[in-house]
Protein backbone atom coordinates (compact mmCIF):
# COMPACT_ATOMS: atom_id res chain seq x y z
CA MET A 1 -166.25 26.74 152.14
CA ASN A 2 -168.41 26.42 155.35
CA ILE A 3 -165.77 28.25 157.48
CA GLY A 4 -167.82 26.76 160.42
CA ASN A 5 -167.61 23.44 159.66
CA PHE A 6 -163.62 24.02 158.30
CA ILE A 7 -162.74 25.27 162.36
CA ALA A 8 -164.47 22.37 163.69
CA GLY A 9 -162.40 19.77 162.11
CA ARG A 10 -159.60 21.17 162.51
CA LEU A 11 -160.10 21.37 166.50
CA MET A 12 -161.71 18.03 166.48
CA ARG A 13 -158.30 17.07 164.85
CA GLN A 14 -156.17 18.55 167.97
CA ALA A 15 -158.69 17.27 170.19
CA SER A 16 -157.72 13.39 168.84
CA VAL A 17 -154.19 14.26 169.40
CA GLN A 18 -152.61 12.40 171.64
CA SER A 19 -150.74 16.10 173.10
CA LYS A 20 -148.86 15.99 176.35
CA GLY A 21 -150.20 19.78 176.63
CA LYS A 22 -153.47 19.40 179.70
CA ALA A 23 -155.23 21.29 177.69
CA SER A 24 -155.46 19.12 174.90
CA GLY A 25 -155.58 15.93 176.80
CA PHE A 26 -158.09 16.92 178.76
CA SER A 27 -160.11 18.17 175.42
CA LYS A 28 -159.58 14.54 174.11
CA MET A 29 -161.40 12.90 177.17
CA ILE A 30 -163.76 15.03 177.32
CA VAL A 31 -164.89 14.02 173.42
CA ASN A 32 -164.59 10.71 174.35
CA LEU A 33 -166.67 10.54 177.35
CA ALA A 34 -169.26 12.34 175.34
CA LEU A 35 -168.38 10.33 172.18
CA SER A 36 -168.68 6.52 174.41
CA ALA A 37 -172.16 8.10 176.13
CA VAL A 38 -174.06 9.06 172.68
CA ALA A 39 -172.60 5.28 171.61
CA VAL A 40 -174.09 3.79 174.85
CA SER A 41 -177.04 5.01 174.28
CA ILE A 42 -178.13 4.88 171.14
CA ALA A 43 -177.18 0.87 171.31
CA VAL A 44 -179.00 0.43 174.49
CA MET A 45 -182.18 1.64 173.11
CA ILE A 46 -181.64 -0.03 170.22
CA LEU A 47 -181.63 -3.21 172.34
CA ALA A 48 -183.95 -2.17 174.12
CA VAL A 49 -186.06 -1.83 171.70
CA ALA A 50 -185.42 -4.96 169.59
CA ILE A 51 -186.25 -6.90 172.44
CA VAL A 52 -189.60 -5.58 173.56
CA LYS A 53 -190.68 -5.91 170.35
CA GLY A 54 -189.44 -9.20 169.54
CA TYR A 55 -190.90 -10.71 172.51
CA GLN A 56 -194.49 -8.67 171.92
CA LYS A 57 -194.01 -10.71 168.62
CA GLU A 58 -193.22 -14.23 169.73
CA VAL A 59 -195.37 -14.52 172.53
CA LYS A 60 -198.13 -13.12 170.02
CA ASP A 61 -197.31 -15.70 167.85
CA LYS A 62 -197.15 -18.26 170.11
CA ILE A 63 -200.75 -17.49 171.64
CA ILE A 64 -202.05 -17.24 168.09
CA GLY A 65 -200.24 -20.55 166.76
CA PHE A 66 -201.99 -22.53 169.29
CA HIS A 67 -205.82 -20.04 169.53
CA ALA A 68 -206.22 -18.09 166.14
CA PRO A 69 -207.25 -14.57 166.62
CA LEU A 70 -210.68 -14.97 166.09
CA GLN A 71 -212.89 -18.21 168.08
CA LEU A 72 -216.30 -19.48 167.60
CA SER A 73 -217.66 -21.12 169.85
CA HIS A 74 -221.12 -21.90 172.50
CA LEU A 75 -223.15 -18.45 173.57
CA ALA A 76 -223.45 -20.14 176.97
CA VAL A 77 -220.56 -18.96 179.47
CA ASN A 78 -218.42 -22.21 180.82
CA ASN A 79 -214.78 -21.33 182.70
CA SER A 80 -214.06 -24.85 182.65
CA PHE A 81 -212.68 -27.26 179.88
CA GLU A 82 -215.50 -29.70 179.17
CA SER A 83 -217.39 -27.15 175.88
CA TYR A 84 -220.78 -26.92 174.74
CA PRO A 85 -221.30 -27.96 171.61
CA ILE A 86 -222.76 -26.06 168.86
CA SER A 87 -223.41 -27.57 165.08
CA ARG A 88 -221.90 -27.02 162.30
CA ASP A 89 -222.84 -24.26 160.24
CA SER A 90 -221.30 -24.24 156.25
CA LEU A 91 -222.73 -21.42 154.90
CA LEU A 92 -220.62 -19.60 157.49
CA GLU A 93 -217.15 -22.20 156.64
CA ILE A 94 -217.62 -20.91 153.09
CA GLU A 95 -218.24 -17.38 153.68
CA ALA A 96 -215.74 -16.75 156.19
CA PRO A 97 -212.82 -17.65 154.96
CA LEU A 98 -213.80 -15.22 151.67
CA LEU A 99 -212.70 -12.26 153.87
CA SER A 100 -210.08 -10.63 153.33
CA GLU A 101 -208.30 -11.00 156.16
CA VAL A 102 -209.42 -13.77 157.17
CA THR A 103 -206.57 -17.28 156.43
CA SER A 104 -207.91 -20.19 158.26
CA MET A 105 -210.48 -21.26 159.16
CA GLN A 106 -210.66 -24.64 161.40
CA ARG A 107 -212.64 -26.29 163.99
CA TYR A 108 -211.58 -28.38 166.98
CA ALA A 109 -213.33 -29.83 170.10
CA THR A 110 -211.71 -29.96 173.46
CA LYS A 111 -212.26 -32.62 176.54
CA ALA A 112 -210.18 -32.52 180.10
CA GLY A 113 -208.17 -35.68 180.64
CA ILE A 114 -205.91 -37.57 182.77
CA ILE A 115 -202.83 -39.11 180.44
CA LYS A 116 -201.21 -41.92 182.64
CA THR A 117 -197.88 -44.00 182.32
CA GLU A 118 -196.12 -46.67 184.42
CA GLN A 119 -193.68 -43.85 185.66
CA ALA A 120 -196.20 -40.46 186.00
CA PHE A 121 -199.96 -39.33 185.77
CA GLU A 122 -200.39 -35.61 184.13
CA GLY A 123 -203.21 -33.03 183.53
CA ILE A 124 -204.50 -32.58 180.00
CA VAL A 125 -206.67 -30.92 177.78
CA LEU A 126 -207.66 -33.15 174.70
CA LYS A 127 -207.75 -30.77 171.77
CA GLY A 128 -209.58 -33.09 168.81
CA VAL A 129 -208.73 -32.06 164.81
CA ASP A 130 -210.18 -32.29 162.11
CA ASP A 131 -208.14 -31.84 158.37
CA SER A 132 -209.45 -28.40 158.53
CA TYR A 133 -206.52 -27.89 161.05
CA HIS A 134 -203.24 -26.23 160.33
CA TRP A 135 -200.12 -26.65 161.55
CA ASP A 136 -197.83 -24.76 160.00
CA PHE A 137 -196.69 -23.37 163.73
CA PHE A 138 -196.54 -26.38 165.06
CA THR A 139 -194.23 -27.52 162.72
CA LEU A 140 -191.75 -24.73 162.92
CA ASN A 141 -191.89 -26.25 166.29
CA LEU A 142 -191.62 -30.00 166.13
CA PHE A 143 -189.46 -31.70 168.93
CA ALA A 144 -189.63 -35.08 167.35
CA GLY A 145 -192.01 -37.15 165.70
CA LYS A 146 -194.37 -35.79 163.27
CA VAL A 147 -198.05 -34.07 163.37
CA LEU A 148 -201.23 -35.67 163.13
CA ASP A 149 -201.61 -37.70 160.25
CA TRP A 150 -205.56 -37.40 159.72
CA LYS A 151 -207.13 -39.27 157.15
CA ARG A 152 -211.46 -39.20 156.72
CA ASP A 153 -212.20 -42.62 156.12
CA SER A 154 -210.09 -44.38 159.27
CA LEU A 155 -210.00 -43.31 163.40
CA LYS A 156 -206.25 -42.55 164.28
CA ASN A 157 -205.43 -43.59 167.56
CA GLU A 158 -202.43 -40.86 167.63
CA LEU A 159 -201.21 -38.42 170.51
CA PHE A 160 -199.24 -35.22 169.97
CA LEU A 161 -198.56 -33.80 172.68
CA SER A 162 -195.47 -31.51 174.18
CA LEU A 163 -192.14 -31.65 175.09
CA GLU A 164 -193.06 -31.43 178.80
CA THR A 165 -195.63 -33.50 179.16
CA ALA A 166 -193.36 -35.74 177.24
CA LYS A 167 -190.18 -35.31 179.90
CA LYS A 168 -192.63 -36.00 183.03
CA LEU A 169 -194.29 -38.62 181.94
CA GLN A 170 -191.26 -39.86 180.49
CA VAL A 171 -192.42 -41.30 176.96
CA THR A 172 -190.80 -40.75 173.53
CA VAL A 173 -192.56 -41.01 170.16
CA GLY A 174 -194.13 -44.71 169.79
CA THR A 175 -195.37 -45.10 173.24
CA GLU A 176 -198.51 -45.92 174.04
CA VAL A 177 -200.53 -43.85 177.31
CA LEU A 178 -203.65 -44.21 178.28
CA VAL A 179 -205.61 -41.38 178.97
CA TYR A 180 -208.67 -41.44 181.57
CA PHE A 181 -211.90 -38.87 181.18
CA ILE A 182 -213.46 -38.30 184.70
CA GLN A 183 -217.60 -38.86 183.34
CA ASP A 184 -220.08 -41.14 183.69
CA PRO A 185 -219.37 -43.87 183.18
CA PRO A 186 -215.44 -43.52 183.30
CA ARG A 187 -213.87 -43.93 180.20
CA VAL A 188 -210.24 -44.62 178.58
CA ARG A 189 -208.81 -44.67 175.17
CA LYS A 190 -205.16 -45.85 174.22
CA LEU A 191 -203.63 -43.48 172.45
CA LYS A 192 -199.83 -43.53 170.87
CA VAL A 193 -197.44 -40.94 170.74
CA CYS A 194 -197.15 -39.79 167.13
CA GLY A 195 -194.98 -36.70 168.29
CA ILE A 196 -193.49 -34.06 170.42
CA PHE A 197 -193.64 -30.25 170.24
CA ASP A 198 -191.61 -27.36 171.76
CA THR A 199 -193.03 -24.18 171.12
CA GLY A 200 -191.36 -22.79 174.79
CA LEU A 201 -194.67 -21.33 175.66
CA GLY A 202 -194.98 -23.30 179.08
CA ASP A 203 -197.76 -23.10 180.71
CA LEU A 204 -199.77 -23.70 177.32
CA ASP A 205 -197.76 -26.26 175.80
CA GLN A 206 -198.17 -28.65 179.21
CA LEU A 207 -202.02 -27.75 178.77
CA TYR A 208 -202.72 -29.05 175.44
CA ALA A 209 -202.30 -31.80 173.82
CA PHE A 210 -203.89 -33.17 170.13
CA THR A 211 -206.21 -36.03 169.20
CA ASP A 212 -208.58 -37.05 165.96
CA ILE A 213 -211.57 -34.78 166.73
CA ARG A 214 -213.67 -37.74 166.43
CA HIS A 215 -212.14 -39.08 169.48
CA VAL A 216 -213.41 -35.64 171.58
CA GLN A 217 -216.63 -36.44 170.15
CA LYS A 218 -217.48 -40.22 170.81
CA LEU A 219 -216.34 -39.09 174.66
CA ASN A 220 -218.92 -36.00 174.66
CA GLY A 221 -221.17 -38.43 172.79
CA TRP A 222 -221.95 -35.80 169.92
CA GLY A 223 -222.71 -36.36 166.60
CA THR A 224 -220.46 -36.14 163.46
CA ASN A 225 -221.90 -32.99 162.73
CA GLN A 226 -221.13 -31.17 166.48
CA ILE A 227 -218.14 -29.57 167.60
CA SER A 228 -216.60 -27.26 170.08
CA GLY A 229 -216.10 -24.37 168.10
CA TYR A 230 -214.01 -23.21 164.94
CA GLU A 231 -211.00 -20.80 165.41
CA ILE A 232 -210.09 -18.05 162.33
CA GLY A 233 -206.96 -16.99 161.67
CA LEU A 234 -205.57 -13.14 160.35
CA LYS A 235 -203.29 -12.08 158.52
CA ASN A 236 -202.33 -8.60 160.79
CA LEU A 237 -203.87 -8.95 164.73
CA ALA A 238 -204.27 -5.43 164.82
CA ASN A 239 -207.17 -5.80 162.47
CA VAL A 240 -208.62 -8.71 164.74
CA GLU A 241 -211.46 -5.57 165.90
CA VAL A 242 -212.28 -4.61 162.51
CA ILE A 243 -212.65 -8.06 161.25
CA ARG A 244 -214.27 -9.28 164.04
CA GLU A 245 -217.48 -7.78 162.84
CA GLU A 246 -217.20 -8.56 159.94
CA VAL A 247 -217.25 -12.09 160.71
CA ALA A 248 -220.34 -11.13 163.41
CA ALA A 249 -221.98 -10.24 160.43
CA ILE A 250 -222.19 -14.01 159.07
CA THR A 251 -222.29 -15.69 161.96
CA PRO A 252 -225.38 -17.60 163.79
CA TYR A 253 -227.36 -16.03 166.50
CA SER A 254 -226.52 -19.34 168.14
CA MET A 255 -223.06 -19.05 168.27
CA GLY A 256 -220.53 -16.63 170.65
CA LEU A 257 -217.74 -14.45 169.09
CA SER A 258 -214.63 -13.87 170.95
CA THR A 259 -210.69 -12.88 170.43
CA ILE A 260 -207.54 -13.65 171.58
CA ILE A 261 -207.48 -10.72 173.32
CA GLU A 262 -210.12 -11.43 175.47
CA LEU A 263 -209.67 -14.90 175.85
CA TYR A 264 -206.02 -13.53 177.43
CA PRO A 265 -206.48 -10.26 178.51
CA SER A 266 -203.88 -9.98 181.51
CA LEU A 267 -201.13 -10.99 179.08
CA PHE A 268 -202.00 -8.81 176.25
CA ASP A 269 -202.09 -5.82 179.02
CA TRP A 270 -198.86 -7.24 180.26
CA LEU A 271 -197.84 -7.25 176.98
CA SER A 272 -198.83 -3.60 176.42
CA LEU A 273 -197.14 -2.29 180.02
CA LEU A 274 -193.40 -2.86 178.05
CA ASP A 275 -194.08 -0.19 175.95
CA LEU A 276 -194.17 1.80 178.63
CA ASN A 277 -191.08 0.64 180.07
CA VAL A 278 -189.41 1.29 176.51
CA LEU A 279 -190.36 4.43 176.43
CA ILE A 280 -188.85 4.87 179.87
CA ILE A 281 -185.78 3.67 179.18
CA LEU A 282 -184.96 6.02 175.63
CA GLY A 283 -186.14 8.92 177.87
CA LEU A 284 -183.40 7.88 180.21
CA MET A 285 -180.76 7.01 177.68
CA VAL A 286 -181.46 10.33 175.71
CA ALA A 287 -181.00 12.19 178.75
CA VAL A 288 -177.47 10.62 179.38
CA ALA A 289 -176.66 11.26 176.08
CA ALA A 290 -177.08 15.22 176.30
CA ILE A 291 -176.27 16.10 179.33
CA ASN A 292 -172.95 14.33 178.17
CA MET A 293 -173.13 16.25 175.20
CA ILE A 294 -173.87 19.48 176.98
CA THR A 295 -171.16 18.72 179.57
CA ALA A 296 -169.11 18.48 176.77
CA LEU A 297 -169.73 21.37 175.16
CA LEU A 298 -169.20 23.71 177.77
CA ILE A 299 -165.97 22.73 178.69
CA LEU A 300 -164.94 22.65 175.06
CA ILE A 301 -166.37 26.18 174.96
CA LEU A 302 -164.57 27.26 178.34
CA GLU A 303 -161.23 25.88 177.10
CA ARG A 304 -161.54 28.38 173.82
CA LEU A 305 -162.41 31.18 175.56
CA GLN A 306 -159.36 32.87 174.01
CA MET A 307 -160.32 31.87 170.32
CA ILE A 308 -163.99 32.51 170.67
CA GLY A 309 -162.61 36.02 171.80
CA LEU A 310 -160.13 36.55 169.19
CA LEU A 311 -162.64 36.06 166.53
CA LYS A 312 -165.19 38.34 167.82
CA ALA A 313 -162.73 40.96 167.92
CA MET A 314 -161.90 39.93 164.55
CA GLY A 315 -165.89 40.70 163.55
CA GLY A 316 -167.33 36.84 163.51
CA THR A 317 -170.74 37.30 164.22
CA HIS A 318 -172.28 35.24 167.15
CA GLN A 319 -173.84 32.58 165.00
CA GLN A 320 -170.44 32.17 163.13
CA ILE A 321 -168.49 31.80 166.29
CA ALA A 322 -171.58 29.16 167.55
CA SER A 323 -171.72 27.28 164.05
CA ILE A 324 -167.64 26.21 164.77
CA PHE A 325 -169.35 24.46 168.83
CA LEU A 326 -172.75 22.85 166.65
CA TRP A 327 -170.16 21.39 164.03
CA MET A 328 -167.74 19.79 166.55
CA ALA A 329 -170.91 18.26 168.42
CA ALA A 330 -172.48 16.96 165.57
CA ARG A 331 -169.30 15.28 164.86
CA ILE A 332 -169.58 13.87 168.66
CA ILE A 333 -173.10 12.71 168.07
CA GLY A 334 -172.61 11.40 164.20
CA ARG A 335 -169.23 8.70 165.48
CA GLY A 336 -171.52 8.37 168.56
CA LEU A 337 -174.95 7.53 166.59
CA LEU A 338 -172.41 5.19 164.23
CA TRP A 339 -170.33 3.39 167.10
CA GLY A 340 -173.44 2.63 168.61
CA ASN A 341 -175.59 1.43 166.01
CA LEU A 342 -173.01 -0.98 164.75
CA VAL A 343 -172.66 -2.68 168.73
CA GLY A 344 -176.55 -2.57 169.33
CA LEU A 345 -176.96 -3.76 166.30
CA GLY A 346 -173.99 -6.29 166.35
CA LEU A 347 -175.25 -7.35 170.02
CA GLY A 348 -178.85 -7.77 168.64
CA LEU A 349 -177.47 -10.30 165.54
CA ILE A 350 -175.35 -12.36 167.73
CA GLN A 351 -178.24 -13.08 170.17
CA LYS A 352 -180.88 -13.46 166.92
CA TYR A 353 -179.07 -16.01 165.49
CA PHE A 354 -177.25 -17.83 168.09
CA GLY A 355 -179.18 -16.97 171.82
CA ILE A 356 -176.91 -16.59 173.57
CA LEU A 357 -179.50 -15.01 176.40
CA LYS A 358 -181.86 -18.26 177.96
CA LEU A 359 -185.07 -17.02 179.69
CA ASP A 360 -187.24 -19.85 181.68
CA SER A 361 -189.92 -20.41 179.62
CA ASN A 362 -192.33 -21.25 182.49
CA ALA A 363 -192.05 -17.71 183.59
CA TYR A 364 -191.52 -15.72 180.38
CA TYR A 365 -193.30 -17.72 177.97
CA LEU A 366 -190.02 -17.97 175.89
CA ASN A 367 -186.70 -19.82 175.85
CA LYS A 368 -184.32 -17.21 174.92
CA VAL A 369 -184.59 -13.43 174.76
CA PRO A 370 -185.91 -12.90 171.12
CA ILE A 371 -184.77 -9.66 168.80
CA ALA A 372 -187.14 -7.79 166.18
CA LEU A 373 -184.86 -5.42 164.63
CA ASN A 374 -186.21 -3.02 161.37
CA ILE A 375 -184.67 -0.36 159.55
CA THR A 376 -187.67 2.12 160.75
CA ASP A 377 -187.01 1.37 164.17
CA LEU A 378 -183.21 2.33 163.99
CA LEU A 379 -184.38 5.33 161.52
CA TRP A 380 -186.22 7.46 163.78
CA ILE A 381 -184.06 6.36 167.57
CA ASN A 382 -181.18 7.55 165.36
CA LEU A 383 -183.05 11.01 164.68
CA LEU A 384 -185.38 11.10 168.02
CA ALA A 385 -181.77 11.21 169.46
CA LEU A 386 -179.80 13.92 166.79
CA PHE A 387 -182.71 16.01 167.09
CA ILE A 388 -183.12 16.05 170.76
CA CYS A 389 -179.06 16.26 171.09
CA LEU A 390 -178.60 19.26 168.99
CA SER A 391 -181.65 21.11 169.98
CA LEU A 392 -180.58 20.73 173.80
CA LEU A 393 -177.22 22.14 172.66
CA LEU A 394 -178.72 25.14 171.93
CA LEU A 395 -178.31 25.82 175.52
CA PRO A 396 -174.88 26.07 175.86
CA ILE A 397 -174.00 27.52 172.91
CA SER A 398 -175.71 30.29 174.42
CA ILE A 399 -172.95 31.60 176.59
CA ILE A 400 -171.13 32.52 173.68
CA ALA A 401 -173.20 35.65 173.29
CA ARG A 402 -171.90 37.15 176.90
CA ILE A 403 -168.48 36.32 176.16
CA GLN A 404 -166.33 39.66 176.29
CA PRO A 405 -163.31 39.78 173.61
CA ALA A 406 -161.22 42.29 176.19
CA LYS A 407 -161.85 39.95 178.86
CA THR A 408 -160.25 36.75 177.57
CA ILE A 409 -158.29 38.12 174.76
CA LYS A 410 -154.61 38.20 176.99
CA PHE A 411 -151.30 39.63 175.49
CA ASN A 412 -147.84 37.90 176.46
C-alpha cells in the first residue's frame, strides 16, 4: 500500500465532508476553488484551441474552394480581372494529375462585368468554367437551385451566383438578368440564374459568379483553346511548396505558377497570427491553474502543521510527507481535468452541431463560430497542464523540509 496516497485520500475525504469546524470548512472551500480554477482553465484551453483551429481550417477550405491551392496563369503581372490568355497545354493536362498529391486540375477564364436587374445592379467577376471543374465545394454550400449543367454540345446561358448578390439584385432561381461588359464595343449577355450558393465568405461570395467558359472566351475574343489559367487541387495545403516545385518542373515557360498563399498573403499571415493568440491564452490559463494550486497546497500544508510535525517525530521522511500533499494535489488536478474536459467538450460539441454563436461573415468570413476537436489536442493540453502544475507544486512542498516537530506539536 502507498502510505502517502492512502493518507491523501483520507485528508481529501475529510476536506470534502461538510463540517461545522472552521478548519474543515475552510479546507473544503480551498479545495473547491483550486478544482474550479483547474476545470475552468482546461475548458478555456480546449475551446480556444478548438475555435482557432476550426477557424483556420474553415477559412482555408473556403478560399481553396474558390481558387485551389495552385494556379497556373499568364506570366504577365495583371492586377485587374481582365486576364491575359494562355493556350491549353495537352501534355501538362496529362502529367499534372498524375502527381501523387494532385487531386484535380480545372480550367477557368475570368471577365469583369456588371449584373443589372430592374431593381439594382452589382459589379461582378464572371468566372467561366468547363467540364473539368469540380463542384464539390459549391454543392456542399448550395442554397437553392443547382450548379452549372455543363454539356459540351450546347452553350448554356446559365449563371450561378451567391446569396449575397442575389439578395442585392432581388433575384431567385429562374430569374433572367443582363450582364454588361465595358469594352469596345460594349457587350451584354442575358443569363438565367440556375443556382445560388452561400459559403459564408462574404467578400468572395459577392465578387464571383460562375458561367459557361465559352461565354467568357467569346467576350474576350479568345479561341476555344485559350483560357485564363489552370487551378490545381491538392490533398494537403501544408505540402503546397513541395508540390509547387514538382508542378514547376512540367510547366511551360509561358506560364506563371502561384500558390493560394501568395494570392492572399495578408489573410494567411493573419491566420498564422492566431496561433500566437492561442499560445498566450494557454499560458494565461496554465498560470491561473498553477497559481491557484500553489495557493491551495500552501494553505493545506499550513493547516496541517501539527500533523506534519507528528509524522516527522514518528520518523517520517521529507519525501514521505511531501508525497501526501503531492497526492492530494494530483487528486485535485485530476478532478479539475475531468470536469474541465467535460465542460470544454460539451460546449464545443454544442457549438459544432447547433451553431449557437454566430459571426458576421463580412468581417470574419464565416457565419458561425467553428469548432475543430481531435484527440491529439486534448491529450497534449491535459498533459501540459498536468506536468506544469505538478512541477510548480514542488515550490510549496519545499516548506515541509523547514518544519520543526518541536515547534508544531502541541500538548494539551
